[in-house]
């Protein structure tokens, strides 16, 4: 059975690019257009990894991550932050909220897939 990964980003084109890379590697993909949308789609189903942007309308990625970590079904779900933010203070905020990796845009799909494979165990 394929592992499920959720992509949370307000850019439809970025969700599409990441989704194509993940689907090509054999993953199932869920999408959220922002933190609020993504939270509404986390209904208890197994999600093996979340990839989230930081800067989004309605609910930013750090707030989303904090909310996810308070949900019993997703408390231990690893999260990769995929963002244009490269400031150390933002990275520390993300790490404190529970992010396992920080990938800066623009990114190489093989680099992202490598991070995904390290966090999604067989």
PDB file of N, CA and C in Angstrom:
ATOM      1  N   UNK A   1       0.841  -1.192   0.000  1.00  0.00           N
ATOM      2  CA  UNK A   1       0.000   0.000   0.000  1.00  0.00           C
ATOM      3  C   UNK A   1       0.883   1.252   0.000  1.00  0.00           C
ATOM      4  N   UNK A   2       0.527   2.215  -0.813  1.00  0.00           N
ATOM      5  CA  UNK A   2       1.329   3.442  -0.943  1.00  0.00           C
ATOM      6  C   UNK A   2       1.223   4.289   0.327  1.00  0.00           C
ATOM      7  N   UNK A   3       2.292   4.976   0.646  1.00  0.00           N
ATOM      8  CA  UNK A   3       2.323   5.906   1.769  1.00  0.00           C
ATOM      9  C   UNK A   3       1.665   7.216   1.323  1.00  0.00           C
ATOM     10  N   UNK A   4       0.979   7.877   2.251  1.00  0.00           N
ATOM     11  CA  UNK A   4       0.265   9.115   1.939  1.00  0.00           C
ATOM     12  C   UNK A   4       1.028  10.325   2.467  1.00  0.00           C
ATOM     13  N   UNK A   5       1.187  11.325   1.599  1.00  0.00           N
ATOM     14  CA  UNK A   5       1.860  12.565   1.964  1.00  0.00           C
ATOM     15  C   UNK A   5       0.918  13.732   1.682  1.00  0.00           C
ATOM     16  N   UNK A   6       0.828  14.658   2.634  1.00  0.00           N
ATOM     17  CA  UNK A   6       0.010  15.853   2.444  1.00  0.00           C
ATOM     18  C   UNK A   6       0.914  17.027   2.078  1.00  0.00           C
ATOM     19  N   UNK A   7       0.531  17.743   1.023  1.00  0.00           N
ATOM     20  CA  UNK A   7       1.242  18.958   0.596  1.00  0.00           C
ATOM     21  C   UNK A   7       0.349  20.148   0.969  1.00  0.00           C
ATOM     22  N   UNK A   8       0.924  21.108   1.722  1.00  0.00           N
ATOM     23  CA  UNK A   8       0.161  22.293   2.122  1.00  0.00           C
ATOM     24  C   UNK A   8       0.894  23.524   1.595  1.00  0.00           C
ATOM     25  N   UNK A   9       0.293  24.183   0.609  1.00  0.00           N
ATOM     26  CA  UNK A   9       0.912  25.376   0.020  1.00  0.00           C
ATOM     27  C   UNK A   9      -0.174  26.171  -0.675  1.00  0.00           C
ATOM     28  N   UNK A  10      -0.101  27.506  -0.575  1.00  0.00           N
ATOM     29  CA  UNK A  10      -1.120  28.339  -1.223  1.00  0.00           C
ATOM     30  C   UNK A  10      -0.878  28.453  -2.724  1.00  0.00           C
ATOM     31  N   UNK A  11       0.259  27.972  -3.218  1.00  0.00           N
ATOM     32  CA  UNK A  11       0.547  28.000  -4.653  1.00  0.00           C
ATOM     33  C   UNK A  11       0.118  26.681  -5.299  1.00  0.00           C
ATOM     34  N   UNK A  12      -0.913  26.751  -6.149  1.00  0.00           N
ATOM     35  CA  UNK A  12      -1.396  25.547  -6.831  1.00  0.00           C
ATOM     36  C   UNK A  12      -0.304  24.946  -7.709  1.00  0.00           C
ATOM     37  N   UNK A  13       0.497  25.801  -8.355  1.00  0.00           N
ATOM     38  CA  UNK A  13       1.557  25.279  -9.232  1.00  0.00           C
ATOM     39  C   UNK A  13       2.619  24.546  -8.422  1.00  0.00           C
ATOM     40  N   UNK A  14       2.942  25.042  -7.234  1.00  0.00           N
ATOM     41  CA  UNK A  14       3.922  24.339  -6.405  1.00  0.00           C
ATOM     42  C   UNK A  14       3.358  23.009  -5.918  1.00  0.00           C
ATOM     43  N   UNK A  15       2.094  23.007  -5.498  1.00  0.00           N
ATOM     44  CA  UNK A  15       1.470  21.731  -5.083  1.00  0.00           C
ATOM     45  C   UNK A  15       1.515  20.737  -6.230  1.00  0.00           C
ATOM     46  N   UNK A  16       1.298  21.237  -7.460  1.00  0.00           N
ATOM     47  CA  UNK A  16       1.315  20.359  -8.630  1.00  0.00           C
ATOM     48  C   UNK A  16       2.718  19.782  -8.866  1.00  0.00           C
ATOM     49  N   UNK A  17       3.750  20.635  -8.814  1.00  0.00           N
ATOM     50  CA  UNK A  17       5.127  20.179  -9.046  1.00  0.00           C
ATOM     51  C   UNK A  17       5.541  19.147  -7.993  1.00  0.00           C
ATOM     52  N   UNK A  18       5.275  19.451  -6.719  1.00  0.00           N
ATOM     53  CA  UNK A  18       5.626  18.523  -5.643  1.00  0.00           C
ATOM     54  C   UNK A  18       4.804  17.237  -5.782  1.00  0.00           C
ATOM     55  N   UNK A  19       3.523  17.394  -6.104  1.00  0.00           N
ATOM     56  CA  UNK A  19       2.650  16.223  -6.277  1.00  0.00           C
ATOM     57  C   UNK A  19       3.126  15.299  -7.382  1.00  0.00           C
ATOM     58  N   UNK A  20       3.550  15.867  -8.501  1.00  0.00           N
ATOM     59  CA  UNK A  20       4.055  15.049  -9.615  1.00  0.00           C
ATOM     60  C   UNK A  20       5.289  14.278  -9.173  1.00  0.00           C
ATOM     61  N   UNK A  21       6.214  14.946  -8.473  1.00  0.00           N
ATOM     62  CA  UNK A  21       7.429  14.272  -7.995  1.00  0.00           C
ATOM     63  C   UNK A  21       7.083  13.132  -7.038  1.00  0.00           C
ATOM     64  N   UNK A  22       6.155  13.398  -6.112  1.00  0.00           N
ATOM     65  CA  UNK A  22       5.787  12.375  -5.122  1.00  0.00           C
ATOM     66  C   UNK A  22       5.038  11.213  -5.751  1.00  0.00           C
ATOM     67  N   UNK A  23       4.077  11.534  -6.631  1.00  0.00           N
ATOM     68  CA  UNK A  23       3.318  10.466  -7.293  1.00  0.00           C
ATOM     69  C   UNK A  23       4.238   9.615  -8.159  1.00  0.00           C
ATOM     70  N   UNK A  24       5.214  10.275  -8.813  1.00  0.00           N
ATOM     71  CA  UNK A  24       6.186   9.554  -9.625  1.00  0.00           C
ATOM     72  C   UNK A  24       7.032   8.591  -8.807  1.00  0.00           C
ATOM     73  N   UNK A  25       7.201   8.910  -7.518  1.00  0.00           N
ATOM     74  CA  UNK A  25       7.977   8.053  -6.619  1.00  0.00           C
ATOM     75  C   UNK A  25       7.076   7.029  -5.915  1.00  0.00           C
ATOM     76  N   UNK A  26       5.779   7.026  -6.270  1.00  0.00           N
ATOM     77  CA  UNK A  26       4.881   6.000  -5.744  1.00  0.00           C
ATOM     78  C   UNK A  26       4.072   6.379  -4.520  1.00  0.00           C
ATOM     79  N   UNK A  27       4.045   7.653  -4.160  1.00  0.00           N
ATOM     80  CA  UNK A  27       3.278   8.095  -2.986  1.00  0.00           C
ATOM     81  C   UNK A  27       1.874   8.537  -3.386  1.00  0.00           C
ATOM     82  N   UNK A  28       0.922   8.386  -2.454  1.00  0.00           N
ATOM     83  CA  UNK A  28      -0.397   8.990  -2.603  1.00  0.00           C
ATOM     84  C   UNK A  28      -0.291  10.410  -2.050  1.00  0.00           C
ATOM     85  N   UNK A  29      -1.051  11.344  -2.625  1.00  0.00           N
ATOM     86  CA  UNK A  29      -0.919  12.748  -2.239  1.00  0.00           C
ATOM     87  C   UNK A  29      -2.267  13.346  -1.856  1.00  0.00           C
ATOM     88  N   UNK A  30      -2.287  14.060  -0.723  1.00  0.00           N
ATOM     89  CA  UNK A  30      -3.413  14.894  -0.303  1.00  0.00           C
ATOM     90  C   UNK A  30      -2.930  16.330  -0.434  1.00  0.00           C
ATOM     91  N   UNK A  31      -3.836  17.266  -0.719  1.00  0.00           N
ATOM     92  CA  UNK A  31      -3.423  18.665  -0.850  1.00  0.00           C
ATOM     93  C   UNK A  31      -4.269  19.567   0.025  1.00  0.00           C
ATOM     94  N   UNK A  32      -3.601  20.603   0.557  1.00  0.00           N
ATOM     95  CA  UNK A  32      -4.283  21.653   1.290  1.00  0.00           C
ATOM     96  C   UNK A  32      -3.809  22.991   0.748  1.00  0.00           C
ATOM     97  N   UNK A  33      -4.726  23.932   0.528  1.00  0.00           N
ATOM     98  CA  UNK A  33      -4.356  25.219  -0.077  1.00  0.00           C
ATOM     99  C   UNK A  33      -3.836  26.220   0.957  1.00  0.00           C
ATOM    100  N   UNK A  34      -4.019  25.914   2.236  1.00  0.00           N
ATOM    101  CA  UNK A  34      -3.470  26.715   3.335  1.00  0.00           C
ATOM    102  C   UNK A  34      -3.664  25.895   4.606  1.00  0.00           C
ATOM    103  N   UNK A  35      -3.209  26.428   5.740  1.00  0.00           N
ATOM    104  CA  UNK A  35      -3.296  25.675   6.987  1.00  0.00           C
ATOM    105  C   UNK A  35      -4.720  25.312   7.382  1.00  0.00           C
ATOM    106  N   UNK A  36      -5.657  26.232   7.206  1.00  0.00           N
ATOM    107  CA  UNK A  36      -7.055  25.986   7.573  1.00  0.00           C
ATOM    108  C   UNK A  36      -7.631  24.856   6.715  1.00  0.00           C
ATOM    109  N   UNK A  37      -7.405  24.921   5.405  1.00  0.00           N
ATOM    110  CA  UNK A  37      -7.887  23.893   4.477  1.00  0.00           C
ATOM    111  C   UNK A  37      -7.273  22.537   4.822  1.00  0.00           C
ATOM    112  N   UNK A  38      -5.977  22.531   5.073  1.00  0.00           N
ATOM    113  CA  UNK A  38      -5.281  21.274   5.378  1.00  0.00           C
ATOM    114  C   UNK A  38      -5.807  20.652   6.675  1.00  0.00           C
ATOM    115  N   UNK A  39      -5.995  21.466   7.709  1.00  0.00           N
ATOM    116  CA  UNK A  39      -6.526  20.933   8.976  1.00  0.00           C
ATOM    117  C   UNK A  39      -7.895  20.302   8.775  1.00  0.00           C
ATOM    118  N   UNK A  40      -8.713  20.906   7.922  1.00  0.00           N
ATOM    119  CA  UNK A  40     -10.059  20.367   7.688  1.00  0.00           C
ATOM    120  C   UNK A  40     -10.006  19.013   6.988  1.00  0.00           C
ATOM    121  N   UNK A  41      -8.885  18.721   6.307  1.00  0.00           N
ATOM    122  CA  UNK A  41      -8.749  17.451   5.579  1.00  0.00           C
ATOM    123  C   UNK A  41      -8.055  16.366   6.410  1.00  0.00           C
ATOM    124  N   UNK A  42      -7.527  16.747   7.561  1.00  0.00           N
ATOM    125  CA  UNK A  42      -6.909  15.766   8.462  1.00  0.00           C
ATOM    126  C   UNK A  42      -7.995  15.224   9.385  1.00  0.00           C
ATOM    127  N   UNK A  43      -8.627  14.142   8.938  1.00  0.00           N
ATOM    128  CA  UNK A  43      -9.796  13.616   9.644  1.00  0.00           C
ATOM    129  C   UNK A  43      -9.540  12.264  10.294  1.00  0.00           C
ATOM    130  N   UNK A  44      -8.281  11.976  10.586  1.00  0.00           N
ATOM    131  CA  UNK A  44      -7.968  10.722  11.262  1.00  0.00           C
ATOM    132  C   UNK A  44      -7.339   9.668  10.366  1.00  0.00           C
ATOM    133  N   UNK A  45      -7.370   9.891   9.036  1.00  0.00           N
ATOM    134  CA  UNK A  45      -6.748   8.926   8.124  1.00  0.00           C
ATOM    135  C   UNK A  45      -5.228   8.958   8.318  1.00  0.00           C
ATOM    136  N   UNK A  46      -4.557   7.867   7.959  1.00  0.00           N
ATOM    137  CA  UNK A  46      -3.102   7.804   8.124  1.00  0.00           C
ATOM    138  C   UNK A  46      -2.416   8.710   7.103  1.00  0.00           C
ATOM    139  N   UNK A  47      -1.608   9.630   7.601  1.00  0.00           N
ATOM    140  CA  UNK A  47      -0.769  10.481   6.753  1.00  0.00           C
ATOM    141  C   UNK A  47       0.657  10.245   7.232  1.00  0.00           C
ATOM    142  N   UNK A  48       1.531   9.814   6.324  1.00  0.00           N
ATOM    143  CA  UNK A  48       2.885   9.417   6.699  1.00  0.00           C
ATOM    144  C   UNK A  48       3.859  10.592   6.787  1.00  0.00           C
ATOM    145  N   UNK A  49       3.509  11.712   6.115  1.00  0.00           N
ATOM    146  CA  UNK A  49       4.381  12.878   6.099  1.00  0.00           C
ATOM    147  C   UNK A  49       3.569  14.086   5.642  1.00  0.00           C
ATOM    148  N   UNK A  50       3.931  15.264   6.155  1.00  0.00           N
ATOM    149  CA  UNK A  50       3.317  16.521   5.707  1.00  0.00           C
ATOM    150  C   UNK A  50       4.442  17.419   5.192  1.00  0.00           C
ATOM    151  N   UNK A  51       4.230  18.021   4.027  1.00  0.00           N
ATOM    152  CA  UNK A  51       5.154  19.013   3.475  1.00  0.00           C
ATOM    153  C   UNK A  51       4.381  20.325   3.452  1.00  0.00           C
ATOM    154  N   UNK A  52       4.881  21.326   4.187  1.00  0.00           N
ATOM    155  CA  UNK A  52       4.120  22.574   4.321  1.00  0.00           C
ATOM    156  C   UNK A  52       4.965  23.805   4.028  1.00  0.00           C
ATOM    157  N   UNK A  53       4.335  24.768   3.364  1.00  0.00           N
ATOM    158  CA  UNK A  53       4.909  26.094   3.176  1.00  0.00           C
ATOM    159  C   UNK A  53       4.842  26.822   4.522  1.00  0.00           C
ATOM    160  N   UNK A  54       5.603  27.895   4.671  1.00  0.00           N
ATOM    161  CA  UNK A  54       5.539  28.710   5.886  1.00  0.00           C
ATOM    162  C   UNK A  54       4.604  29.895   5.680  1.00  0.00           C
ATOM    163  N   UNK A  55       4.801  30.657   4.603  1.00  0.00           N
ATOM    164  CA  UNK A  55       4.024  31.877   4.363  1.00  0.00           C
ATOM    165  C   UNK A  55       2.768  31.579   3.549  1.00  0.00           C
ATOM    166  N   UNK A  56       1.624  31.539   4.240  1.00  0.00           N
ATOM    167  CA  UNK A  56       0.340  31.277   3.577  1.00  0.00           C
ATOM    168  C   UNK A  56      -0.731  32.171   4.198  1.00  0.00           C
ATOM    169  N   UNK A  57      -1.784  32.494   3.415  1.00  0.00           N
ATOM    170  CA  UNK A  57      -2.901  33.263   3.986  1.00  0.00           C
ATOM    171  C   UNK A  57      -3.720  32.378   4.934  1.00  0.00           C
ATOM    172  N   UNK A  58      -4.582  32.990   5.710  1.00  0.00           N
ATOM    173  CA  UNK A  58      -5.486  32.338   6.665  1.00  0.00           C
ATOM    174  C   UNK A  58      -4.746  31.720   7.848  1.00  0.00           C
ATOM    175  N   UNK A  59      -3.801  30.815   7.571  1.00  0.00           N
ATOM    176  CA  UNK A  59      -3.020  30.194   8.642  1.00  0.00           C
ATOM    177  C   UNK A  59      -1.641  29.855   8.097  1.00  0.00           C
ATOM    178  N   UNK A  60      -0.614  30.440   8.719  1.00  0.00           N
ATOM    179  CA  UNK A  60       0.745  30.181   8.230  1.00  0.00           C
ATOM    180  C   UNK A  60       1.208  28.775   8.625  1.00  0.00           C
ATOM    181  N   UNK A  61       2.327  28.354   8.046  1.00  0.00           N
ATOM    182  CA  UNK A  61       2.818  26.989   8.238  1.00  0.00           C
ATOM    183  C   UNK A  61       3.220  26.653   9.661  1.00  0.00           C
ATOM    184  N   UNK A  62       3.794  27.613  10.386  1.00  0.00           N
ATOM    185  CA  UNK A  62       4.218  27.348  11.767  1.00  0.00           C
ATOM    186  C   UNK A  62       2.980  27.156  12.661  1.00  0.00           C
ATOM    187  N   UNK A  63       1.959  27.995  12.477  1.00  0.00           N
ATOM    188  CA  UNK A  63       0.705  27.846  13.230  1.00  0.00           C
ATOM    189  C   UNK A  63       0.040  26.524  12.879  1.00  0.00           C
ATOM    190  N   UNK A  64       0.028  26.177  11.590  1.00  0.00           N
ATOM    191  CA  UNK A  64      -0.528  24.896  11.134  1.00  0.00           C
ATOM    192  C   UNK A  64       0.205  23.733  11.794  1.00  0.00           C
ATOM    193  N   UNK A  65       1.532  23.780  11.772  1.00  0.00           N
ATOM    194  CA  UNK A  65       2.345  22.716  12.356  1.00  0.00           C
ATOM    195  C   UNK A  65       2.043  22.559  13.849  1.00  0.00           C
ATOM    196  N   UNK A  66       1.938  23.669  14.558  1.00  0.00           N
ATOM    197  CA  UNK A  66       1.620  23.639  15.984  1.00  0.00           C
ATOM    198  C   UNK A  66       0.263  22.967  16.215  1.00  0.00           C
ATOM    199  N   UNK A  67      -0.726  23.300  15.373  1.00  0.00           N
ATOM    200  CA  UNK A  67      -2.068  22.705  15.489  1.00  0.00           C
ATOM    201  C   UNK A  67      -2.034  21.209  15.198  1.00  0.00           C
ATOM    202  N   UNK A  68      -1.281  20.809  14.168  1.00  0.00           N
ATOM    203  CA  UNK A  68      -1.182  19.387  13.804  1.00  0.00           C
ATOM    204  C   UNK A  68      -0.593  18.577  14.958  1.00  0.00           C
ATOM    205  N   UNK A  69       0.450  19.112  15.582  1.00  0.00           N
ATOM    206  CA  UNK A  69       1.139  18.387  16.652  1.00  0.00           C
ATOM    207  C   UNK A  69       0.258  18.224  17.890  1.00  0.00           C
ATOM    208  N   UNK A  70      -0.847  18.989  17.974  1.00  0.00           N
ATOM    209  CA  UNK A  70      -1.775  18.844  19.096  1.00  0.00           C
ATOM    210  C   UNK A  70      -2.884  17.838  18.792  1.00  0.00           C
ATOM    211  N   UNK A  71      -2.911  17.307  17.565  1.00  0.00           N
ATOM    212  CA  UNK A  71      -3.926  16.320  17.178  1.00  0.00           C
ATOM    213  C   UNK A  71      -3.349  14.922  17.440  1.00  0.00           C
ATOM    214  N   UNK A  72      -4.011  14.119  18.309  1.00  0.00           N
ATOM    215  CA  UNK A  72      -3.447  12.806  18.657  1.00  0.00           C
ATOM    216  C   UNK A  72      -3.081  11.937  17.451  1.00  0.00           C
ATOM    217  N   UNK A  73      -3.888  11.949  16.394  1.00  0.00           N
ATOM    218  CA  UNK A  73      -3.618  11.092  15.233  1.00  0.00           C
ATOM    219  C   UNK A  73      -2.368  11.526  14.459  1.00  0.00           C
ATOM    220  N   UNK A  74      -1.942  12.782  14.634  1.00  0.00           N
ATOM    221  CA  UNK A  74      -0.834  13.315  13.826  1.00  0.00           C
ATOM    222  C   UNK A  74       0.337  13.828  14.668  1.00  0.00           C
ATOM    223  N   UNK A  75       0.275  13.561  15.959  1.00  0.00           N
ATOM    224  CA  UNK A  75       1.312  14.048  16.883  1.00  0.00           C
ATOM    225  C   UNK A  75       2.719  13.628  16.434  1.00  0.00           C
ATOM    226  N   UNK A  76       2.839  12.412  15.892  1.00  0.00           N
ATOM    227  CA  UNK A  76       4.150  11.894  15.507  1.00  0.00           C
ATOM    228  C   UNK A  76       4.394  11.905  13.998  1.00  0.00           C
ATOM    229  N   UNK A  77       3.509  12.549  13.249  1.00  0.00           N
ATOM    230  CA  UNK A  77       3.685  12.644  11.797  1.00  0.00           C
ATOM    231  C   UNK A  77       4.820  13.618  11.497  1.00  0.00           C
ATOM    232  N   UNK A  78       5.857  13.172  10.749  1.00  0.00           N
ATOM    233  CA  UNK A  78       6.949  14.098  10.435  1.00  0.00           C
ATOM    234  C   UNK A  78       6.496  15.188   9.462  1.00  0.00           C
ATOM    235  N   UNK A  79       7.105  16.372   9.615  1.00  0.00           N
ATOM    236  CA  UNK A  79       6.741  17.522   8.779  1.00  0.00           C
ATOM    237  C   UNK A  79       8.006  18.133   8.182  1.00  0.00           C
ATOM    238  N   UNK A  80       7.967  18.363   6.864  1.00  0.00           N
ATOM    239  CA  UNK A  80       9.028  19.088   6.162  1.00  0.00           C
ATOM    240  C   UNK A  80       8.478  20.463   5.824  1.00  0.00           C
ATOM    241  N   UNK A  81       9.199  21.511   6.174  1.00  0.00           N
ATOM    242  CA  UNK A  81       8.810  22.859   5.788  1.00  0.00           C
ATOM    243  C   UNK A  81       9.498  23.151   4.453  1.00  0.00           C
ATOM    244  N   UNK A  82       8.705  23.490   3.438  1.00  0.00           N
ATOM    245  CA  UNK A  82       9.208  23.807   2.099  1.00  0.00           C
ATOM    246  C   UNK A  82       8.880  25.279   1.862  1.00  0.00           C
ATOM    247  N   UNK A  83       9.895  26.146   1.873  1.00  0.00           N
ATOM    248  CA  UNK A  83       9.616  27.571   1.956  1.00  0.00           C
ATOM    249  C   UNK A  83      10.713  28.425   1.337  1.00  0.00           C
ATOM    250  N   UNK A  84      10.398  29.679   1.079  1.00  0.00           N
ATOM    251  CA  UNK A  84      11.410  30.636   0.626  1.00  0.00           C
ATOM    252  C   UNK A  84      12.176  31.193   1.825  1.00  0.00           C
ATOM    253  N   UNK A  85      11.682  30.951   3.025  1.00  0.00           N
ATOM    254  CA  UNK A  85      12.316  31.468   4.247  1.00  0.00           C
ATOM    255  C   UNK A  85      13.627  30.736   4.522  1.00  0.00           C
ATOM    256  N   UNK A  86      14.708  31.491   4.667  1.00  0.00           N
ATOM    257  CA  UNK A  86      15.984  30.856   5.009  1.00  0.00           C
ATOM    258  C   UNK A  86      16.598  31.448   6.278  1.00  0.00           C
ATOM    259  N   UNK A  87      15.854  32.343   6.940  1.00  0.00           N
ATOM    260  CA  UNK A  87      16.341  32.961   8.175  1.00  0.00           C
ATOM    261  C   UNK A  87      16.436  31.927   9.290  1.00  0.00           C
ATOM    262  N   UNK A  88      17.530  31.997  10.053  1.00  0.00           N
ATOM    263  CA  UNK A  88      17.730  31.064  11.165  1.00  0.00           C
ATOM    264  C   UNK A  88      16.607  31.162  12.195  1.00  0.00           C
ATOM    265  N   UNK A  89      16.107  32.383  12.450  1.00  0.00           N
ATOM    266  CA  UNK A  89      15.056  32.534  13.465  1.00  0.00           C
ATOM    267  C   UNK A  89      13.787  31.787  13.039  1.00  0.00           C
ATOM    268  N   UNK A  90      13.448  31.853  11.740  1.00  0.00           N
ATOM    269  CA  UNK A  90      12.268  31.122  11.240  1.00  0.00           C
ATOM    270  C   UNK A  90      12.503  29.623  11.349  1.00  0.00           C
ATOM    271  N   UNK A  91      13.716  29.179  10.995  1.00  0.00           N
ATOM    272  CA  UNK A  91      14.046  27.750  11.089  1.00  0.00           C
ATOM    273  C   UNK A  91      13.909  27.264  12.524  1.00  0.00           C
ATOM    274  N   UNK A  92      14.389  28.081  13.474  1.00  0.00           N
ATOM    275  CA  UNK A  92      14.283  27.700  14.890  1.00  0.00           C
ATOM    276  C   UNK A  92      12.824  27.628  15.329  1.00  0.00           C
ATOM    277  N   UNK A  93      12.008  28.569  14.845  1.00  0.00           N
ATOM    278  CA  UNK A  93      10.564  28.530  15.145  1.00  0.00           C
ATOM    279  C   UNK A  93       9.955  27.232  14.621  1.00  0.00           C
ATOM    280  N   UNK A  94      10.305  26.893  13.387  1.00  0.00           N
ATOM    281  CA  UNK A  94       9.790  25.667  12.777  1.00  0.00           C
ATOM    282  C   UNK A  94      10.232  24.428  13.536  1.00  0.00           C
ATOM    283  N   UNK A  95      11.492  24.405  13.917  1.00  0.00           N
ATOM    284  CA  UNK A  95      12.030  23.268  14.658  1.00  0.00           C
ATOM    285  C   UNK A  95      11.330  23.148  16.011  1.00  0.00           C
ATOM    286  N   UNK A  96      11.144  24.285  16.685  1.00  0.00           N
ATOM    287  CA  UNK A  96      10.479  24.286  17.990  1.00  0.00           C
ATOM    288  C   UNK A  96       9.042  23.784  17.868  1.00  0.00           C
ATOM    289  N   UNK A  97       8.396  24.080  16.740  1.00  0.00           N
ATOM    290  CA  UNK A  97       7.014  23.640  16.518  1.00  0.00           C
ATOM    291  C   UNK A  97       6.940  22.167  16.126  1.00  0.00           C
ATOM    292  N   UNK A  98       8.081  21.584  15.726  1.00  0.00           N
ATOM    293  CA  UNK A  98       8.093  20.152  15.415  1.00  0.00           C
ATOM    294  C   UNK A  98       8.522  19.782  14.010  1.00  0.00           C
ATOM    295  N   UNK A  99       8.999  20.743  13.204  1.00  0.00           N
ATOM    296  CA  UNK A  99       9.452  20.424  11.845  1.00  0.00           C
ATOM    297  C   UNK A  99      10.696  19.528  11.903  1.00  0.00           C
ATOM    298  N   UNK A 100      10.740  18.514  11.052  1.00  0.00           N
ATOM    299  CA  UNK A 100      11.874  17.588  11.008  1.00  0.00           C
ATOM    300  C   UNK A 100      12.909  18.007   9.974  1.00  0.00           C
ATOM    301  N   UNK A 101      12.491  18.784   8.960  1.00  0.00           N
ATOM    302  CA  UNK A 101      13.421  19.217   7.915  1.00  0.00           C
ATOM    303  C   UNK A 101      12.963  20.560   7.375  1.00  0.00           C
ATOM    304  N   UNK A 102      13.893  21.289   6.767  1.00  0.00           N
ATOM    305  CA  UNK A 102      13.626  22.622   6.227  1.00  0.00           C
ATOM    306  C   UNK A 102      14.228  22.653   4.833  1.00  0.00           C
ATOM    307  N   UNK A 103      13.405  22.725   3.800  1.00  0.00           N
ATOM    308  CA  UNK A 103      13.877  22.753   2.414  1.00  0.00           C
ATOM    309  C   UNK A 103      13.523  24.124   1.834  1.00  0.00           C
ATOM    310  N   UNK A 104      14.534  24.814   1.295  1.00  0.00           N
ATOM    311  CA  UNK A 104      14.328  26.168   0.782  1.00  0.00           C
ATOM    312  C   UNK A 104      13.993  26.131  -0.710  1.00  0.00           C
ATOM    313  N   UNK A 105      12.954  26.901  -1.095  1.00  0.00           N
ATOM    314  CA  UNK A 105      12.572  27.049  -2.502  1.00  0.00           C
ATOM    315  C   UNK A 105      13.522  28.049  -3.157  1.00  0.00           C
ATOM    316  N   UNK A 106      13.833  27.952  -4.416  1.00  0.00           N
ATOM    317  CA  UNK A 106      13.482  26.832  -5.297  1.00  0.00           C
ATOM    318  C   UNK A 106      14.253  25.585  -4.878  1.00  0.00           C
ATOM    319  N   UNK A 107      13.641  24.446  -5.090  1.00  0.00           N
ATOM    320  CA  UNK A 107      14.231  23.192  -4.639  1.00  0.00           C
ATOM    321  C   UNK A 107      14.401  22.244  -5.814  1.00  0.00           C
ATOM    322  N   UNK A 108      15.280  21.273  -5.639  1.00  0.00           N
ATOM    323  CA  UNK A 108      15.437  20.225  -6.645  1.00  0.00           C
ATOM    324  C   UNK A 108      14.557  19.047  -6.204  1.00  0.00           C
ATOM    325  N   UNK A 109      13.697  18.548  -7.095  1.00  0.00           N
ATOM    326  CA  UNK A 109      12.808  17.449  -6.699  1.00  0.00           C
ATOM    327  C   UNK A 109      13.553  16.251  -6.092  1.00  0.00           C
ATOM    328  N   UNK A 110      14.760  15.927  -6.603  1.00  0.00           N
ATOM    329  CA  UNK A 110      15.473  14.778  -6.050  1.00  0.00           C
ATOM    330  C   UNK A 110      15.933  15.046  -4.613  1.00  0.00           C
ATOM    331  N   UNK A 111      16.246  16.303  -4.294  1.00  0.00           N
ATOM    332  CA  UNK A 111      16.622  16.663  -2.929  1.00  0.00           C
ATOM    333  C   UNK A 111      15.415  16.504  -1.997  1.00  0.00           C
ATOM    334  N   UNK A 112      14.258  16.962  -2.454  1.00  0.00           N
ATOM    335  CA  UNK A 112      13.039  16.820  -1.663  1.00  0.00           C
ATOM    336  C   UNK A 112      12.700  15.339  -1.466  1.00  0.00           C
ATOM    337  N   UNK A 113      12.776  14.553  -2.541  1.00  0.00           N
ATOM    338  CA  UNK A 113      12.469  13.122  -2.433  1.00  0.00           C
ATOM    339  C   UNK A 113      13.433  12.409  -1.485  1.00  0.00           C
ATOM    340  N   UNK A 114      14.684  12.835  -1.480  1.00  0.00           N
ATOM    341  CA  UNK A 114      15.662  12.255  -0.562  1.00  0.00           C
ATOM    342  C   UNK A 114      15.247  12.524   0.887  1.00  0.00           C
ATOM    343  N   UNK A 115      14.826  13.755   1.183  1.00  0.00           N
ATOM    344  CA  UNK A 115      14.355  14.099   2.528  1.00  0.00           C
ATOM    345  C   UNK A 115      13.103  13.301   2.878  1.00  0.00           C
ATOM    346  N   UNK A 116      12.196  13.165   1.911  1.00  0.00           N
ATOM    347  CA  UNK A 116      10.958  12.404   2.122  1.00  0.00           C
ATOM    348  C   UNK A 116      11.290  10.953   2.465  1.00  0.00           C
ATOM    349  N   UNK A 117      12.189  10.338   1.705  1.00  0.00           N
ATOM    350  CA  UNK A 117      12.538   8.934   1.923  1.00  0.00           C
ATOM    351  C   UNK A 117      13.164   8.700   3.292  1.00  0.00           C
ATOM    352  N   UNK A 118      13.899   9.700   3.796  1.00  0.00           N
ATOM    353  CA  UNK A 118      14.510   9.564   5.128  1.00  0.00           C
ATOM    354  C   UNK A 118      13.454   9.598   6.235  1.00  0.00           C
ATOM    355  N   UNK A 119      12.361  10.320   5.989  1.00  0.00           N
ATOM    356  CA  UNK A 119      11.337  10.496   7.018  1.00  0.00           C
ATOM    357  C   UNK A 119      10.158   9.533   6.902  1.00  0.00           C
ATOM    358  N   UNK A 120       9.931   8.975   5.714  1.00  0.00           N
ATOM    359  CA  UNK A 120       8.846   8.016   5.515  1.00  0.00           C
ATOM    360  C   UNK A 120       9.471   6.629   5.472  1.00  0.00           C
ATOM    361  N   UNK A 121       9.407   5.968   6.592  1.00  0.00           N
ATOM    362  CA  UNK A 121      10.055   4.655   6.682  1.00  0.00           C
ATOM    363  C   UNK A 121       9.199   3.593   6.017  1.00  0.00           C
ATOM    364  N   UNK A 122       9.839   2.590   5.422  1.00  0.00           N
ATOM    365  CA  UNK A 122       9.077   1.537   4.731  1.00  0.00           C
ATOM    366  C   UNK A 122       8.182   0.748   5.673  1.00  0.00           C
TER     367      UNK A 122
END
